[in-house]
Structures are given as C-alpha cells and as structure tokens.
C-alpha atoms as a PDB file:
ATOM      1  CA  MET A   1      -0.097   0.057  -0.120  1.00  0.00           C
ATOM      2  CA  LEU A   2       1.251   3.272  -1.341  1.00  0.00           C
ATOM      3  CA  GLN A   3       1.698   6.018   1.347  1.00  0.00           C
ATOM      4  CA  SER A   4       1.354   9.684   0.872  1.00  0.00           C
ATOM      5  CA  LYS A   5       3.406  12.407   2.015  1.00  0.00           C
ATOM      6  CA  ALA A   6       2.961  14.644   4.952  1.00  0.00           C
ATOM      7  CA  ARG A   7       2.567  17.994   3.523  1.00  0.00           C
ATOM      8  CA  ALA A   8       4.972  20.507   5.624  1.00  0.00           C
ATOM      9  CA  PRO A   9       3.180  23.493   6.740  1.00  0.00           C
ATOM     10  CA  GLY A  10       3.603  26.586   5.168  1.00  0.00           C
ATOM     11  CA  LEU A  11       2.861  28.298   1.783  1.00  0.00           C
ATOM     12  CA  THR A  12       4.537  27.178  -1.306  1.00  0.00           C
ATOM     13  CA  LEU A  13       6.126  29.074  -4.161  1.00  0.00           C
ATOM     14  CA  ILE A  14       3.230  29.922  -6.039  1.00  0.00           C
ATOM     15  CA  GLU A  15       0.761  30.894  -3.161  1.00  0.00           C
ATOM     16  CA  LEU A  16       3.358  33.507  -1.957  1.00  0.00           C
ATOM     17  CA  LEU A  17       3.786  34.895  -5.313  1.00  0.00           C
ATOM     18  CA  ILE A  18      -0.110  35.096  -5.944  1.00  0.00           C
ATOM     19  CA  VAL A  19      -0.654  37.104  -1.843  1.00  0.00           C
ATOM     20  CA  ILE A  20       2.569  39.298  -3.230  1.00  0.00           C
ATOM     21  CA  ALA A  21       0.617  40.269  -6.743  1.00  0.00           C
ATOM     22  CA  VAL A  22      -2.595  41.105  -4.917  1.00  0.00           C
ATOM     23  CA  ILE A  23      -0.980  43.047  -2.133  1.00  0.00           C
ATOM     24  CA  ALA A  24       0.817  45.093  -5.151  1.00  0.00           C
ATOM     25  CA  PHE A  25      -2.563  45.651  -7.224  1.00  0.00           C
ATOM     26  CA  LEU A  26      -4.198  46.831  -4.100  1.00  0.00           C
ATOM     27  CA  ALA A  27      -1.323  49.355  -3.133  1.00  0.00           C
ATOM     28  CA  GLY A  28      -1.301  50.497  -6.315  1.00  0.00           C
ATOM     29  CA  ALA A  29      -4.641  51.460  -6.558  1.00  0.00           C
ATOM     30  CA  LEU A  30      -4.976  53.207  -3.315  1.00  0.00           C
ATOM     31  CA  GLY A  31      -1.848  55.204  -4.761  1.00  0.00           C
ATOM     32  CA  ILE A  32      -3.908  56.590  -7.516  1.00  0.00           C
ATOM     33  CA  GLY A  33      -6.996  57.198  -5.273  1.00  0.00           C
ATOM     34  CA  LEU A  34      -4.399  59.136  -2.948  1.00  0.00           C
ATOM     35  CA  ASN A  35      -2.938  61.358  -5.582  1.00  0.00           C
ATOM     36  CA  LYS A  36      -6.274  62.104  -7.079  1.00  0.00           C
ATOM     37  CA  MET A  37      -7.218  63.064  -3.521  1.00  0.00           C
ATOM     38  CA  ARG A  38      -4.329  64.963  -2.897  1.00  0.00           C
ATOM     39  CA  GLY A  39      -5.029  67.325  -6.285  1.00  0.00           C
ATOM     40  CA  ARG A  40      -8.572  68.038  -5.153  1.00  0.00           C
ATOM     41  CA  ALA A  41      -7.347  69.193  -1.840  1.00  0.00           C
ATOM     42  CA  ARG A  42      -4.916  71.284  -3.215  1.00  0.00           C
ATOM     43  CA  ASP A  43      -7.410  72.673  -5.568  1.00  0.00           C
ATOM     44  CA  ALA A  44      -9.410  73.693  -2.775  1.00  0.00           C
ATOM     45  CA  GLN A  45      -6.804  75.077  -0.652  1.00  0.00           C
ATOM     46  CA  ILE A  46      -5.881  77.615  -3.488  1.00  0.00           C
ATOM     47  CA  ARG A  47      -9.424  78.351  -3.953  1.00  0.00           C
ATOM     48  CA  GLN A  48      -9.969  79.136  -0.730  1.00  0.00           C
ATOM     49  CA  LEU A  49      -6.704  81.399  -0.504  1.00  0.00           C
ATOM     50  CA  LEU A  50      -7.992  83.087  -3.638  1.00  0.00           C
ATOM     51  CA  GLN A  51     -11.297  83.839  -2.361  1.00  0.00           C
ATOM     52  CA  LYS A  52      -9.957  85.180   0.859  1.00  0.00           C
ATOM     53  CA  ILE A  53      -7.556  87.826  -1.113  1.00  0.00           C
ATOM     54  CA  ASP A  54     -10.762  88.513  -3.055  1.00  0.00           C
ATOM     55  CA  THR A  55     -12.624  89.483  -0.084  1.00  0.00           C
ATOM     56  CA  ALA A  56      -9.609  91.298   1.269  1.00  0.00           C
ATOM     57  CA  CYS A  57      -9.277  93.438  -1.755  1.00  0.00           C
ATOM     58  CA  GLU A  58     -12.894  94.111  -1.646  1.00  0.00           C
ATOM     59  CA  SER A  59     -12.688  95.253   1.844  1.00  0.00           C
ATOM     60  CA  TYR A  60      -9.930  97.790   1.072  1.00  0.00           C
ATOM     61  CA  LYS A  61     -12.039  98.731  -2.090  1.00  0.00           C
ATOM     62  CA  LEU A  62     -14.836  99.527   0.675  1.00  0.00           C
ATOM     63  CA  PHE A  63     -12.075 101.521   2.639  1.00  0.00           C
ATOM     64  CA  PHE A  64     -10.564 103.728   0.248  1.00  0.00           C
ATOM     65  CA  ARG A  65     -13.065 103.407  -2.685  1.00  0.00           C
ATOM     66  CA  ASP A  66     -10.327 101.891  -5.134  1.00  0.00           C
ATOM     67  CA  TYR A  67      -8.663  98.614  -5.470  1.00  0.00           C
ATOM     68  CA  PRO A  68      -5.067  98.546  -4.444  1.00  0.00           C
ATOM     69  CA  SER A  69      -2.899 100.418  -6.730  1.00  0.00           C
ATOM     70  CA  LEU A  70      -0.251  98.715  -8.688  1.00  0.00           C
ATOM     71  CA  PRO A  71       2.891  98.670  -9.536  1.00  0.00           C
ATOM     72  CA  VAL A  72       4.787 100.164  -6.048  1.00  0.00           C
ATOM     73  CA  ALA A  73       8.594 100.715  -6.824  1.00  0.00           C
ATOM     74  CA  GLY A  74      10.588  98.076  -5.321  1.00  0.00           C
ATOM     75  CA  TYR A  75       7.820  95.465  -5.419  1.00  0.00           C
ATOM     76  CA  THR A  76       6.451  92.904  -7.761  1.00  0.00           C
ATOM     77  CA  ASP A  77       2.514  93.479  -8.382  1.00  0.00           C
ATOM     78  CA  ASN A  78       2.013  90.405  -6.194  1.00  0.00           C
ATOM     79  CA  GLU A  79       4.643  91.638  -3.224  1.00  0.00           C
ATOM     80  CA  ALA A  80       2.331  95.300  -3.126  1.00  0.00           C
ATOM     81  CA  LEU A  81      -0.929  92.941  -3.040  1.00  0.00           C
ATOM     82  CA  TYR A  82       0.453  91.120   0.101  1.00  0.00           C
ATOM     83  CA  TYR A  83       2.062  94.349   1.395  1.00  0.00           C
ATOM     84  CA  TYR A  84      -1.417  96.431   0.902  1.00  0.00           C
ATOM     85  CA  LEU A  85      -3.937  93.465   2.053  1.00  0.00           C
ATOM     86  CA  CYS A  86      -1.544  92.233   5.135  1.00  0.00           C
ATOM     87  CA  THR A  87       0.320  95.245   6.459  1.00  0.00           C
ATOM     88  CA  PRO A  88      -1.456  97.775   9.138  1.00  0.00           C
ATOM     89  CA  PHE A  89      -0.978 101.014   8.140  1.00  0.00           C
ATOM     90  CA  ARG A  90      -2.181 105.094   9.151  1.00  0.00           C
ATOM     91  CA  VAL A  91      -3.992 107.097   6.533  1.00  0.00           C
ATOM     92  CA  THR A  92      -3.326 110.452   7.367  1.00  0.00           C
ATOM     93  CA  PRO A  93      -5.741 113.498   5.854  1.00  0.00           C
ATOM     94  CA  ASP A  94      -4.282 115.918   3.410  1.00  0.00           C
ATOM     95  CA  VAL A  95      -4.688 119.039   4.480  1.00  0.00           C
ATOM     96  CA  SER A  96      -3.725 120.722   1.356  1.00  0.00           C
ATOM     97  CA  ARG A  97      -7.016 119.570  -0.041  1.00  0.00           C
ATOM     98  CA  GLY A  98      -8.761 120.416   2.980  1.00  0.00           C
ATOM     99  CA  GLU A  99      -9.510 117.018   4.170  1.00  0.00           C
ATOM    100  CA  LYS A 100     -10.643 117.477   7.848  1.00  0.00           C
ATOM    101  CA  LEU A 101     -10.759 113.749   9.171  1.00  0.00           C
ATOM    102  CA  SER A 102      -8.204 112.516  11.837  1.00  0.00           C
ATOM    103  CA  SER A 103      -5.888 110.333  11.213  1.00  0.00           C
ATOM    104  CA  VAL A 104      -7.316 106.378  10.707  1.00  0.00           C
ATOM    105  CA  ASN A 105      -5.535 102.896  10.923  1.00  0.00           C
ATOM    106  CA  ALA A 106      -6.315 101.176   8.282  1.00  0.00           C
ATOM    107  CA  GLY A 107      -5.400  97.259   8.018  1.00  0.00           C
ATOM    108  CA  PRO A 108      -4.676  94.696   8.263  1.00  0.00           C
ATOM    109  CA  PHE A 109      -7.445  93.343   5.563  1.00  0.00           C
ATOM    110  CA  LEU A 110      -6.444  90.193   5.530  1.00  0.00           C
ATOM    111  CA  THR A 111      -5.245  88.658   8.975  1.00  0.00           C
ATOM    112  CA  GLU A 112      -5.307  84.806   8.641  1.00  0.00           C
ATOM    113  CA  VAL A 113      -2.534  83.878   5.953  1.00  0.00           C
ATOM    114  CA  ASN A 114      -1.010  80.355   6.905  1.00  0.00           C
ATOM    115  CA  SER A 115       2.879  79.949   6.597  1.00  0.00           C
ATOM    116  CA  ASN A 116       2.330  77.873   3.454  1.00  0.00           C
ATOM    117  CA  GLU A 117       0.072  80.622   1.907  1.00  0.00           C
ATOM    118  CA  ARG A 118       3.145  83.156   2.071  1.00  0.00           C
ATOM    119  CA  LYS A 119       6.790  82.982   0.637  1.00  0.00           C
ATOM    120  CA  ASP A 120      10.088  85.514   0.081  1.00  0.00           C
ATOM    121  CA  PHE A 121      10.135  84.332  -4.146  1.00  0.00           C
ATOM    122  CA  GLY A 122      14.202  85.940  -3.149  1.00  0.00           C
ATOM    123  CA  SER A 123      13.201  89.771  -3.438  1.00  0.00           C
ATOM    124  CA  GLY A 124      13.143  89.680   0.219  1.00  0.00           C
ATOM    125  CA  ASN A 125       9.613  90.779  -0.119  1.00  0.00           C
ATOM    126  CA  THR A 126       6.943  88.433   0.723  1.00  0.00           C
ATOM    127  CA  SER A 127       3.879  87.231  -1.499  1.00  0.00           C
ATOM    128  CA  PHE A 128       1.346  84.910  -1.932  1.00  0.00           C
ATOM    129  CA  CYS A 129       1.645  81.385  -2.754  1.00  0.00           C
ATOM    130  CA  ASP A 130      -0.347  78.729  -4.506  1.00  0.00           C
ATOM    131  CA  PRO A 131      -0.209  74.872  -3.241  1.00  0.00           C
ATOM    132  CA  TRP A 132       2.505  74.401  -6.050  1.00  0.00           C
ATOM    133  CA  ASN A 133       4.700  76.883  -4.569  1.00  0.00           C
ATOM    134  CA  GLU A 134       4.310  79.509  -7.140  1.00  0.00           C
ATOM    135  CA  PRO A 135       3.324  83.360  -6.719  1.00  0.00           C
ATOM    136  CA  VAL A 136      -0.134  84.131  -6.729  1.00  0.00           C
ATOM    137  CA  ILE A 137      -0.760  86.064 -10.067  1.00  0.00           C
ATOM    138  CA  PHE A 138      -2.605  89.798  -9.085  1.00  0.00           C
ATOM    139  CA  LYS A 139      -3.714  91.533 -12.427  1.00  0.00           C
ATOM    140  CA  TYR A 140      -6.133  94.539 -13.641  1.00  0.00           C
ATOM    141  CA  LEU A 141      -8.333  93.800 -16.604  1.00  0.00           C
ATOM    142  CA  SER A 142      -9.980  96.794 -18.208  1.00  0.00           C
ATOM    143  CA  LYS A 143     -13.592  96.424 -19.155  1.00  0.00           C
ATOM    144  CA  THR A 144     -16.181  98.689 -20.132  1.00  0.00           C
ATOM    145  CA  ASP A 145     -19.583  99.229 -18.245  1.00  0.00           C
ATOM    146  CA  LEU A 146     -23.026 100.049 -19.226  1.00  0.00           C
ATOM    147  CA  LYS A 147     -22.224 103.725 -19.546  1.00  0.00           C
ATOM    148  CA  GLY A 148     -19.103 103.243 -21.539  1.00  0.00           C
ATOM    149  CA  TYR A 149     -16.564 104.122 -19.167  1.00  0.00           C
ATOM    150  CA  SER A 150     -13.529 101.996 -18.758  1.00  0.00           C
ATOM    151  CA  VAL A 151     -13.229 100.019 -15.671  1.00  0.00           C
ATOM    152  CA  ALA A 152     -10.071  98.145 -13.823  1.00  0.00           C
ATOM    153  CA  THR A 153     -11.348  94.827 -12.464  1.00  0.00           C
ATOM    154  CA  PRO A 154      -8.714  92.563 -10.763  1.00  0.00           C
ATOM    155  CA  LEU A 155      -8.160  89.431 -11.724  1.00  0.00           C
ATOM    156  CA  ILE A 156      -6.750  86.745  -8.936  1.00  0.00           C
ATOM    157  CA  TYR A 157      -5.112  83.183 -10.140  1.00  0.00           C
ATOM    158  CA  SER A 158      -3.010  80.447  -9.497  1.00  0.00           C
ATOM    159  CA  LYS A 159      -1.054  79.232 -12.731  1.00  0.00           C
ATOM    160  CA  GLY A 160      -2.008  75.635 -11.246  1.00  0.00           C
ATOM    161  CA  PRO A 161      -0.260  72.270 -11.299  1.00  0.00           C
ATOM    162  CA  ASN A 162       1.470  72.671 -14.790  1.00  0.00           C
ATOM    163  CA  LYS A 163       2.752  76.258 -13.446  1.00  0.00           C
ATOM    164  CA  ILE A 164       2.304  77.985 -17.248  1.00  0.00           C
ATOM    165  CA  ASP A 165       1.070  81.262 -17.329  1.00  0.00           C
ATOM    166  CA  ASP A 166      -1.718  80.977 -19.926  1.00  0.00           C
ATOM    167  CA  LEU A 167      -5.394  81.185 -18.582  1.00  0.00           C
ATOM    168  CA  ALA A 168      -6.349  79.168 -21.431  1.00  0.00           C
ATOM    169  CA  ASP A 169      -6.308  75.595 -19.993  1.00  0.00           C
ATOM    170  CA  GLN A 170      -8.138  73.553 -17.608  1.00  0.00           C
ATOM    171  CA  ASP A 171      -5.708  73.608 -14.682  1.00  0.00           C
ATOM    172  CA  ASP A 172      -5.594  77.536 -13.976  1.00  0.00           C
ATOM    173  CA  VAL A 173      -7.626  78.497 -10.639  1.00  0.00           C
ATOM    174  CA  TYR A 174      -9.161  81.770 -10.449  1.00  0.00           C
ATOM    175  CA  VAL A 175     -11.241  84.303  -9.177  1.00  0.00           C
ATOM    176  CA  GLY A 176     -12.859  87.500 -10.841  1.00  0.00           C
ATOM    177  CA  SER A 177     -13.556  87.174 -14.374  1.00  0.00           C
ATOM    178  CA  LYS A 178     -10.868  86.544 -17.421  1.00  0.00           C
END
C-alpha cells in the first residue's frame, strides 16, 4: 500500500507570489486614489486662498474706494498686493486738499494667512503662494461698463499644477472674470 507524504506546513512559492501580486495591486489602486484626493485638496486650498484675497481686496475697496494700486516701486505686483492687504498702516488726512478727518488706522485687511500661503520668492519681500510653490498672480483687467466707462477689475489666479501662466487651459484656478 502506498503512503502519501505529509505536507510540511507553510506556503508554496506559487501561493506566496499570488499574495504578493494581490498586495501590489491593492497598493497601486490606493496610490492612484490618494493622488487624486491630494490634487482635489490642493485645488480646494488655492480656491480658499484666492477667495480670501478677493474678499480682502473688496474690503480694501470699501475703505479706500478703489482697489490696491499697482505697481509699487521695489515690489512686484504680487508683493505689493501682499503688502497692501496684510500690513497695518495709518491713513492721515491731506490738509492741502481740505480734508478734516483725523488719522485713521487701516488694515490689515487679511489677517489669517498660513505659513504655506506666503513665501519670499528671492526679492526679500513676501508674496502669496499657491500649493505648487508659485506666486499667486494679481492683474487688472480693463472692461467697459454699461455707460461706456473703462473700469479696472482685479483678476487673481494661480498657474495651477502645470505652472504655466496662460489662463487658457483647465488647470488654472482664478477668482474674478477673465
């Protein structure tokens, strides 16, 4: 009579390879999902920052009856915007024009800027920064209103993940109207 050999405990090479393949497949699927979620989180983060900047610009306009003026000597437009919105300053009346108001403290119009939302890009001045470590872009667009007057409206945007300043592709994130 033939006796069968007792099988030693453990996994065969085939079983081990199948387990490794399943784990690799699951890890790959998880990695793809995490990258998509990370991209959506960055989009939400830049949209929130751009909305905060836009709201601060509107507050500035309510106080001074105009948007921050650009350019400023020694600053890029982005650095000047950061300066105008995040720095407190004192407004004094111009007595030569007959203004009789007392001195008024103005700003900062934007107080909650996280450390990852601002950066010095090498000039010694701080600027707003998007999640891709690029400066937030601030420009004025000239439009004509219903009465035919030229009106400057701000456009605040990020170049997006491809870091190309074109506003034509789908990855650029902006507030305002282009």
